[in-house]
N, C-alpha and C. Protein backbone atom coordinates (compact mmCIF):
# COMPACT_ATOMS: atom_id res chain seq x y z
N MET A 1 73.73 66.45 30.20
CA MET A 1 73.14 67.67 29.69
C MET A 1 72.82 68.56 30.88
N GLU A 2 73.19 69.78 30.77
CA GLU A 2 72.96 70.71 31.88
C GLU A 2 71.52 71.16 31.90
N ARG A 3 71.02 71.44 33.13
CA ARG A 3 69.67 71.97 33.27
C ARG A 3 69.73 73.48 33.16
N GLY A 4 68.69 74.05 32.61
CA GLY A 4 68.60 75.50 32.49
C GLY A 4 67.42 75.88 31.62
N ILE A 5 67.15 77.15 31.62
CA ILE A 5 66.05 77.65 30.80
C ILE A 5 66.65 78.07 29.47
N LEU A 6 66.16 77.45 28.40
CA LEU A 6 66.66 77.78 27.06
C LEU A 6 65.65 78.66 26.35
N LYS A 7 66.16 79.56 25.61
CA LYS A 7 65.28 80.47 24.88
C LYS A 7 65.76 80.55 23.44
N LYS A 8 64.82 80.49 22.51
CA LYS A 8 65.17 80.59 21.10
C LYS A 8 65.06 82.04 20.67
N PHE A 9 65.95 82.42 19.86
CA PHE A 9 65.85 83.75 19.29
C PHE A 9 66.36 83.69 17.86
N LYS A 10 65.97 84.64 17.11
CA LYS A 10 66.29 84.62 15.69
C LYS A 10 67.37 85.65 15.39
N GLU A 11 68.44 85.18 14.77
CA GLU A 11 69.50 86.08 14.31
C GLU A 11 69.69 85.80 12.83
N GLY A 12 69.22 86.72 12.02
CA GLY A 12 69.28 86.49 10.58
C GLY A 12 68.33 85.37 10.22
N LYS A 13 68.87 84.33 9.59
CA LYS A 13 68.05 83.21 9.20
C LYS A 13 68.32 81.98 10.06
N ASN A 14 69.28 82.05 10.95
CA ASN A 14 69.65 80.89 11.77
C ASN A 14 69.03 80.99 13.15
N TRP A 15 68.44 79.91 13.61
CA TRP A 15 67.90 79.85 14.96
C TRP A 15 68.98 79.27 15.88
N GLN A 16 69.13 79.90 17.02
CA GLN A 16 70.08 79.39 17.99
C GLN A 16 69.42 79.35 19.35
N ALA A 17 69.92 78.49 20.20
CA ALA A 17 69.42 78.43 21.58
C ALA A 17 70.48 79.05 22.48
N ARG A 18 70.03 79.77 23.47
CA ARG A 18 71.00 80.30 24.42
C ARG A 18 70.45 80.11 25.82
N ARG A 19 71.32 80.01 26.74
CA ARG A 19 70.95 79.77 28.12
C ARG A 19 70.78 81.10 28.83
N ILE A 20 69.68 81.20 29.56
CA ILE A 20 69.49 82.36 30.41
C ILE A 20 70.13 82.01 31.74
N THR A 21 71.21 82.68 32.02
CA THR A 21 71.98 82.34 33.22
C THR A 21 71.31 82.85 34.48
N ASP A 22 70.79 84.04 34.42
CA ASP A 22 70.15 84.62 35.60
C ASP A 22 68.69 84.90 35.25
N PRO A 23 67.76 84.07 35.74
CA PRO A 23 66.36 84.26 35.38
C PRO A 23 65.81 85.60 35.84
N LEU A 24 66.39 86.22 36.85
CA LEU A 24 65.89 87.49 37.35
C LEU A 24 66.48 88.67 36.58
N SER A 25 67.44 88.40 35.75
CA SER A 25 68.08 89.47 35.00
C SER A 25 67.20 89.86 33.81
N CYS A 26 67.11 91.15 33.57
CA CYS A 26 66.30 91.65 32.47
C CYS A 26 67.15 91.94 31.25
N THR A 27 68.44 91.72 31.34
CA THR A 27 69.31 92.05 30.20
C THR A 27 68.97 91.18 29.00
N ASP A 28 68.61 89.91 29.26
CA ASP A 28 68.25 89.04 28.14
C ASP A 28 66.98 89.54 27.45
N LEU A 29 66.02 90.01 28.24
CA LEU A 29 64.78 90.52 27.67
C LEU A 29 65.03 91.80 26.89
N ARG A 30 65.91 92.66 27.44
CA ARG A 30 66.24 93.90 26.74
C ARG A 30 66.93 93.61 25.42
N SER A 31 67.82 92.65 25.42
CA SER A 31 68.52 92.34 24.17
C SER A 31 67.55 91.75 23.15
N ASP A 32 66.55 90.99 23.63
CA ASP A 32 65.54 90.45 22.71
C ASP A 32 64.72 91.58 22.10
N ALA A 33 64.35 92.58 22.91
CA ALA A 33 63.59 93.72 22.41
C ALA A 33 64.41 94.50 21.40
N THR A 34 65.70 94.66 21.67
CA THR A 34 66.58 95.36 20.74
C THR A 34 66.69 94.58 19.44
N ASP A 35 66.80 93.25 19.53
CA ASP A 35 66.86 92.42 18.32
C ASP A 35 65.58 92.58 17.49
N LEU A 36 64.45 92.66 18.18
CA LEU A 36 63.16 92.81 17.50
C LEU A 36 63.12 94.14 16.74
N GLN A 37 63.61 95.20 17.38
CA GLN A 37 63.62 96.51 16.73
C GLN A 37 64.57 96.49 15.53
N LYS A 38 65.70 95.82 15.67
CA LYS A 38 66.64 95.74 14.55
C LYS A 38 66.00 95.00 13.37
N ASN A 39 65.32 93.89 13.68
CA ASN A 39 64.67 93.13 12.62
C ASN A 39 63.60 93.96 11.93
N ARG A 40 62.86 94.75 12.69
CA ARG A 40 61.79 95.58 12.15
C ARG A 40 62.39 96.65 11.24
N SER A 41 63.49 97.26 11.66
CA SER A 41 64.08 98.34 10.88
C SER A 41 64.83 97.83 9.66
N THR A 42 65.20 96.57 9.63
CA THR A 42 65.91 96.04 8.47
C THR A 42 64.96 95.58 7.38
N GLY A 43 63.65 95.85 7.54
CA GLY A 43 62.69 95.54 6.49
C GLY A 43 62.14 94.13 6.56
N GLN A 44 62.16 93.52 7.71
CA GLN A 44 61.62 92.17 7.83
C GLN A 44 60.10 92.23 7.61
N GLN A 45 59.58 91.30 6.82
CA GLN A 45 58.17 91.30 6.44
C GLN A 45 57.30 90.73 7.55
N GLY A 46 56.06 91.24 7.64
CA GLY A 46 55.10 90.74 8.61
C GLY A 46 53.94 91.70 8.74
N PHE A 47 52.87 91.26 9.40
CA PHE A 47 51.69 92.09 9.60
C PHE A 47 51.56 92.45 11.07
N THR A 48 51.13 93.66 11.31
CA THR A 48 50.86 94.06 12.69
C THR A 48 49.43 93.65 13.04
N LEU A 49 49.13 93.66 14.30
CA LEU A 49 47.79 93.31 14.75
C LEU A 49 46.76 94.27 14.18
N LEU A 50 47.11 95.54 14.11
CA LEU A 50 46.19 96.54 13.56
C LEU A 50 45.87 96.24 12.09
N GLU A 51 46.88 95.89 11.32
CA GLU A 51 46.65 95.55 9.91
C GLU A 51 45.73 94.34 9.77
N VAL A 52 45.94 93.35 10.60
CA VAL A 52 45.10 92.15 10.56
C VAL A 52 43.67 92.49 10.94
N MET A 53 43.48 93.33 11.96
CA MET A 53 42.13 93.70 12.40
C MET A 53 41.41 94.50 11.31
N ILE A 54 42.11 95.39 10.64
CA ILE A 54 41.50 96.17 9.56
C ILE A 54 41.10 95.24 8.41
N ALA A 55 41.98 94.30 8.07
CA ALA A 55 41.66 93.35 7.00
C ALA A 55 40.44 92.51 7.37
N LEU A 56 40.36 92.07 8.61
CA LEU A 56 39.20 91.29 9.05
C LEU A 56 37.92 92.12 9.00
N ALA A 57 38.01 93.39 9.37
CA ALA A 57 36.84 94.26 9.31
C ALA A 57 36.36 94.43 7.86
N ILE A 58 37.29 94.58 6.95
CA ILE A 58 36.92 94.72 5.53
C ILE A 58 36.27 93.43 5.02
N VAL A 59 36.87 92.30 5.35
CA VAL A 59 36.31 91.01 4.92
C VAL A 59 34.91 90.81 5.51
N ALA A 60 34.73 91.16 6.78
CA ALA A 60 33.42 91.01 7.42
C ALA A 60 32.38 91.90 6.74
N THR A 61 32.75 93.12 6.41
CA THR A 61 31.83 94.03 5.73
C THR A 61 31.43 93.48 4.36
N VAL A 62 32.38 92.97 3.63
CA VAL A 62 32.09 92.40 2.31
C VAL A 62 31.18 91.18 2.44
N LEU A 63 31.44 90.32 3.41
CA LEU A 63 30.61 89.14 3.61
C LEU A 63 29.18 89.51 3.97
N ILE A 64 29.01 90.50 4.82
CA ILE A 64 27.66 90.95 5.20
C ILE A 64 26.93 91.49 3.96
N ALA A 65 27.64 92.24 3.14
CA ALA A 65 27.02 92.77 1.91
C ALA A 65 26.62 91.63 0.97
N LEU A 66 27.47 90.62 0.85
CA LEU A 66 27.15 89.49 -0.02
C LEU A 66 25.96 88.70 0.49
N ILE A 67 25.86 88.53 1.79
CA ILE A 67 24.71 87.82 2.37
C ILE A 67 23.42 88.61 2.10
N GLY A 68 23.49 89.92 2.24
CA GLY A 68 22.33 90.76 1.93
C GLY A 68 21.93 90.66 0.46
N LEU A 69 22.91 90.63 -0.43
CA LEU A 69 22.63 90.49 -1.85
C LEU A 69 21.99 89.14 -2.16
N GLN A 70 22.45 88.10 -1.48
CA GLN A 70 21.88 86.77 -1.70
C GLN A 70 20.40 86.75 -1.33
N GLY A 71 20.05 87.36 -0.21
CA GLY A 71 18.65 87.43 0.20
C GLY A 71 17.81 88.20 -0.80
N ARG A 72 18.35 89.29 -1.28
CA ARG A 72 17.62 90.09 -2.28
C ARG A 72 17.46 89.31 -3.57
N THR A 73 18.47 88.57 -3.97
CA THR A 73 18.39 87.77 -5.19
C THR A 73 17.30 86.71 -5.08
N ILE A 74 17.19 86.09 -3.92
CA ILE A 74 16.15 85.08 -3.71
C ILE A 74 14.77 85.71 -3.81
N ARG A 75 14.58 86.87 -3.18
CA ARG A 75 13.29 87.56 -3.26
C ARG A 75 12.95 87.96 -4.69
N LEU A 76 13.94 88.46 -5.43
CA LEU A 76 13.71 88.84 -6.82
C LEU A 76 13.36 87.64 -7.69
N ALA A 77 14.02 86.51 -7.45
CA ALA A 77 13.71 85.30 -8.21
C ALA A 77 12.28 84.84 -7.93
N ASP A 78 11.85 84.92 -6.68
CA ASP A 78 10.48 84.55 -6.32
C ASP A 78 9.48 85.49 -6.99
N ARG A 79 9.78 86.77 -6.99
CA ARG A 79 8.90 87.76 -7.63
C ARG A 79 8.81 87.51 -9.13
N GLN A 80 9.94 87.21 -9.76
CA GLN A 80 9.94 86.92 -11.19
C GLN A 80 9.11 85.68 -11.51
N GLN A 81 9.19 84.67 -10.67
CA GLN A 81 8.39 83.46 -10.87
C GLN A 81 6.90 83.79 -10.76
N THR A 82 6.54 84.61 -9.78
CA THR A 82 5.14 85.01 -9.61
C THR A 82 4.64 85.76 -10.84
N ILE A 83 5.43 86.70 -11.35
CA ILE A 83 5.03 87.47 -12.53
C ILE A 83 4.91 86.57 -13.76
N THR A 84 5.84 85.64 -13.92
CA THR A 84 5.78 84.72 -15.06
C THR A 84 4.53 83.86 -15.00
N GLU A 85 4.25 83.28 -13.83
CA GLU A 85 3.06 82.45 -13.69
C GLU A 85 1.79 83.27 -13.91
N ALA A 86 1.74 84.48 -13.36
CA ALA A 86 0.57 85.34 -13.54
C ALA A 86 0.38 85.72 -15.00
N THR A 87 1.45 85.96 -15.73
CA THR A 87 1.36 86.29 -17.15
C THR A 87 0.79 85.12 -17.94
N LEU A 88 1.29 83.93 -17.68
CA LEU A 88 0.79 82.75 -18.38
C LEU A 88 -0.68 82.49 -18.05
N LEU A 89 -1.06 82.67 -16.80
CA LEU A 89 -2.46 82.48 -16.40
C LEU A 89 -3.37 83.53 -17.04
N ALA A 90 -2.89 84.77 -17.14
CA ALA A 90 -3.68 85.83 -17.78
C ALA A 90 -3.87 85.53 -19.27
N GLN A 91 -2.81 85.04 -19.92
CA GLN A 91 -2.93 84.68 -21.33
C GLN A 91 -3.91 83.52 -21.51
N GLU A 92 -3.87 82.57 -20.59
CA GLU A 92 -4.81 81.44 -20.65
C GLU A 92 -6.25 81.93 -20.52
N ARG A 93 -6.49 82.80 -19.56
CA ARG A 93 -7.85 83.32 -19.34
C ARG A 93 -8.31 84.15 -20.54
N MET A 94 -7.41 84.96 -21.12
CA MET A 94 -7.75 85.76 -22.30
C MET A 94 -8.09 84.85 -23.47
N THR A 95 -7.35 83.78 -23.66
CA THR A 95 -7.64 82.83 -24.73
C THR A 95 -9.00 82.19 -24.55
N GLU A 96 -9.35 81.84 -23.31
CA GLU A 96 -10.68 81.27 -23.04
C GLU A 96 -11.78 82.26 -23.42
N ILE A 97 -11.57 83.55 -23.13
CA ILE A 97 -12.56 84.58 -23.47
C ILE A 97 -12.67 84.71 -24.98
N GLU A 98 -11.55 84.72 -25.69
CA GLU A 98 -11.57 84.84 -27.15
C GLU A 98 -12.25 83.64 -27.79
N ILE A 99 -12.01 82.44 -27.27
CA ILE A 99 -12.67 81.24 -27.79
C ILE A 99 -14.17 81.31 -27.54
N ALA A 100 -14.56 81.73 -26.33
CA ALA A 100 -15.99 81.86 -26.01
C ALA A 100 -16.66 82.89 -26.92
N ALA A 101 -15.97 83.99 -27.22
CA ALA A 101 -16.52 85.01 -28.11
C ALA A 101 -16.66 84.46 -29.53
N ALA A 102 -15.68 83.68 -29.99
CA ALA A 102 -15.74 83.10 -31.33
C ALA A 102 -16.87 82.09 -31.45
N ARG A 103 -17.22 81.41 -30.38
CA ARG A 103 -18.32 80.44 -30.38
C ARG A 103 -19.69 81.12 -30.24
N GLY A 104 -19.68 82.39 -29.95
CA GLY A 104 -20.92 83.12 -29.79
C GLY A 104 -21.51 83.04 -28.39
N GLU A 105 -20.73 82.58 -27.44
CA GLU A 105 -21.21 82.50 -26.06
C GLU A 105 -21.27 83.90 -25.46
N SER A 106 -22.12 84.06 -24.46
CA SER A 106 -22.24 85.38 -23.83
C SER A 106 -21.01 85.64 -22.96
N LEU A 107 -20.55 86.86 -23.02
CA LEU A 107 -19.36 87.25 -22.26
C LEU A 107 -19.78 88.16 -21.13
N ARG A 108 -19.28 87.87 -19.93
CA ARG A 108 -19.61 88.73 -18.79
C ARG A 108 -18.36 88.98 -17.94
N GLU A 109 -18.45 90.09 -17.27
CA GLU A 109 -17.37 90.42 -16.34
C GLU A 109 -17.46 89.50 -15.13
N GLY A 110 -16.34 89.35 -14.45
CA GLY A 110 -16.38 88.53 -13.25
C GLY A 110 -15.02 88.38 -12.62
N THR A 111 -15.01 87.66 -11.53
CA THR A 111 -13.77 87.35 -10.81
C THR A 111 -13.79 85.88 -10.45
N GLY A 112 -12.63 85.37 -10.16
CA GLY A 112 -12.53 83.96 -9.77
C GLY A 112 -11.10 83.60 -9.45
N SER A 113 -10.90 82.33 -9.20
CA SER A 113 -9.54 81.84 -8.95
C SER A 113 -9.26 80.67 -9.88
N PHE A 114 -8.02 80.32 -10.01
CA PHE A 114 -7.60 79.27 -10.92
C PHE A 114 -7.61 77.92 -10.21
N ASP A 115 -7.58 76.85 -11.01
CA ASP A 115 -7.55 75.49 -10.47
C ASP A 115 -6.14 75.16 -9.98
N ASP A 116 -6.03 73.99 -9.32
CA ASP A 116 -4.73 73.51 -8.84
C ASP A 116 -3.74 73.47 -9.98
N PRO A 117 -2.54 73.78 -9.79
CA PRO A 117 -1.81 74.15 -8.57
C PRO A 117 -1.73 75.66 -8.35
N PHE A 118 -2.62 76.42 -9.00
CA PHE A 118 -2.55 77.88 -8.94
C PHE A 118 -3.73 78.47 -8.18
N THR A 119 -4.17 77.82 -7.13
CA THR A 119 -5.35 78.28 -6.39
C THR A 119 -5.10 79.58 -5.64
N ASP A 120 -3.84 79.93 -5.42
CA ASP A 120 -3.55 81.19 -4.72
C ASP A 120 -3.59 82.40 -5.66
N TYR A 121 -3.77 82.17 -6.97
CA TYR A 121 -3.91 83.26 -7.94
C TYR A 121 -5.40 83.52 -8.19
N ARG A 122 -5.74 84.79 -8.35
CA ARG A 122 -7.12 85.16 -8.66
C ARG A 122 -7.13 85.97 -9.95
N TRP A 123 -8.27 85.99 -10.62
CA TRP A 123 -8.41 86.75 -11.85
C TRP A 123 -9.64 87.64 -11.80
N GLN A 124 -9.61 88.68 -12.63
CA GLN A 124 -10.75 89.57 -12.78
C GLN A 124 -10.83 89.96 -14.26
N VAL A 125 -12.04 89.87 -14.84
CA VAL A 125 -12.26 90.22 -16.24
C VAL A 125 -13.18 91.43 -16.30
N ARG A 126 -12.78 92.43 -17.12
CA ARG A 126 -13.59 93.63 -17.32
C ARG A 126 -13.75 93.88 -18.82
N PHE A 127 -14.94 94.31 -19.22
CA PHE A 127 -15.21 94.70 -20.61
C PHE A 127 -15.50 96.19 -20.62
N GLU A 128 -14.91 96.89 -21.58
CA GLU A 128 -15.13 98.33 -21.70
C GLU A 128 -15.44 98.67 -23.15
N PRO A 129 -16.32 99.62 -23.36
CA PRO A 129 -16.63 100.02 -24.74
C PRO A 129 -15.48 100.82 -25.34
N THR A 130 -15.45 100.86 -26.66
CA THR A 130 -14.46 101.65 -27.39
C THR A 130 -15.21 102.61 -28.31
N PRO A 131 -14.52 103.55 -28.95
CA PRO A 131 -15.21 104.45 -29.88
C PRO A 131 -15.91 103.70 -31.03
N LEU A 132 -15.42 102.53 -31.37
CA LEU A 132 -16.09 101.70 -32.38
C LEU A 132 -17.12 100.84 -31.65
N THR A 133 -18.36 100.96 -32.02
CA THR A 133 -19.42 100.29 -31.26
C THR A 133 -19.33 98.77 -31.32
N SER A 134 -18.76 98.23 -32.37
CA SER A 134 -18.70 96.77 -32.48
C SER A 134 -17.45 96.17 -31.83
N VAL A 135 -16.56 97.01 -31.35
CA VAL A 135 -15.32 96.53 -30.73
C VAL A 135 -15.37 96.80 -29.23
N ARG A 136 -14.98 95.78 -28.47
CA ARG A 136 -14.92 95.95 -27.01
C ARG A 136 -13.50 95.66 -26.53
N MET A 137 -13.12 96.39 -25.50
CA MET A 137 -11.81 96.17 -24.89
C MET A 137 -11.99 95.22 -23.70
N VAL A 138 -11.15 94.19 -23.66
CA VAL A 138 -11.20 93.20 -22.59
C VAL A 138 -9.93 93.34 -21.77
N THR A 139 -10.08 93.43 -20.46
CA THR A 139 -8.93 93.52 -19.55
C THR A 139 -9.00 92.36 -18.57
N VAL A 140 -7.88 91.63 -18.46
CA VAL A 140 -7.77 90.52 -17.52
C VAL A 140 -6.68 90.89 -16.52
N ASP A 141 -7.05 90.93 -15.25
CA ASP A 141 -6.09 91.17 -14.16
C ASP A 141 -5.86 89.86 -13.44
N VAL A 142 -4.61 89.53 -13.20
CA VAL A 142 -4.27 88.31 -12.46
C VAL A 142 -3.29 88.69 -11.37
N GLY A 143 -3.52 88.16 -10.19
CA GLY A 143 -2.63 88.46 -9.07
C GLY A 143 -2.67 87.39 -8.02
N ARG A 144 -1.71 87.44 -7.17
CA ARG A 144 -1.63 86.53 -6.03
C ARG A 144 -2.07 87.32 -4.81
N GLY A 145 -3.06 86.81 -4.10
CA GLY A 145 -3.58 87.53 -2.94
C GLY A 145 -4.36 88.75 -3.40
N GLU A 146 -4.19 89.85 -2.70
CA GLU A 146 -4.91 91.08 -3.04
C GLU A 146 -4.19 91.91 -4.09
N GLN A 147 -2.96 91.60 -4.35
CA GLN A 147 -2.14 92.39 -5.27
C GLN A 147 -2.35 91.94 -6.71
N THR A 148 -2.46 92.89 -7.64
CA THR A 148 -2.53 92.57 -9.07
C THR A 148 -1.12 92.56 -9.62
N ASP A 149 -0.71 91.40 -10.14
CA ASP A 149 0.65 91.26 -10.66
C ASP A 149 0.73 91.55 -12.15
N VAL A 150 -0.32 91.17 -12.90
CA VAL A 150 -0.30 91.31 -14.36
C VAL A 150 -1.66 91.81 -14.83
N THR A 151 -1.64 92.76 -15.76
CA THR A 151 -2.85 93.22 -16.43
C THR A 151 -2.65 93.02 -17.92
N LEU A 152 -3.56 92.28 -18.53
CA LEU A 152 -3.49 91.97 -19.95
C LEU A 152 -4.73 92.55 -20.62
N THR A 153 -4.53 93.31 -21.69
CA THR A 153 -5.64 93.96 -22.39
C THR A 153 -5.66 93.52 -23.85
N SER A 154 -6.87 93.26 -24.35
CA SER A 154 -7.04 92.86 -25.75
C SER A 154 -8.34 93.48 -26.27
N PHE A 155 -8.56 93.36 -27.57
CA PHE A 155 -9.78 93.89 -28.19
C PHE A 155 -10.51 92.76 -28.89
N LEU A 156 -11.81 92.73 -28.72
CA LEU A 156 -12.65 91.75 -29.40
C LEU A 156 -13.32 92.44 -30.57
N PHE A 157 -13.08 91.92 -31.76
CA PHE A 157 -13.60 92.50 -32.99
C PHE A 157 -14.91 91.82 -33.37
N PRO A 158 -15.62 92.38 -34.36
CA PRO A 158 -16.95 91.86 -34.70
C PRO A 158 -17.00 90.36 -34.96
N ARG A 159 -15.99 89.78 -35.59
CA ARG A 159 -16.04 88.35 -35.86
C ARG A 159 -15.99 87.55 -34.57
N GLU A 160 -15.45 88.16 -33.49
CA GLU A 160 -15.35 87.48 -32.20
C GLU A 160 -16.56 87.78 -31.32
N LEU A 161 -17.37 88.74 -31.69
CA LEU A 161 -18.53 89.10 -30.87
C LEU A 161 -19.65 88.23 -31.21
């Protein structure tokens, strides 16, 4: 087998090897460049580097947007859980007030916090008069920290007073 530098090039669909007789000659390189131009002009399929870079930029932009949406979704889910828990706690506190009124116990305004596992929630109860002297409006505010998440309002009628 003879020694030499072999180079593969594509002609149509067949690959062939050819010997570069003179390594310092540029004619082989020129003919390869010409072959490349011929292949490009004959409609050979492929992507340019620019097309690939643009596609990668688009994919990266979409991925960044999706990651941002995921973070927002997690925050919204946490907020929804807080509102749901606060609503249930406000309903519980309002029921306690209605039961106390039905038993004839004295009702007073006040603030406080809930028992475990809801110790980070606080409540506030307010009573306000209405145009009907025997009816009072009761408002229960429940929130986590300093923020009020839920306000629940009800009316106590004479049978409950």
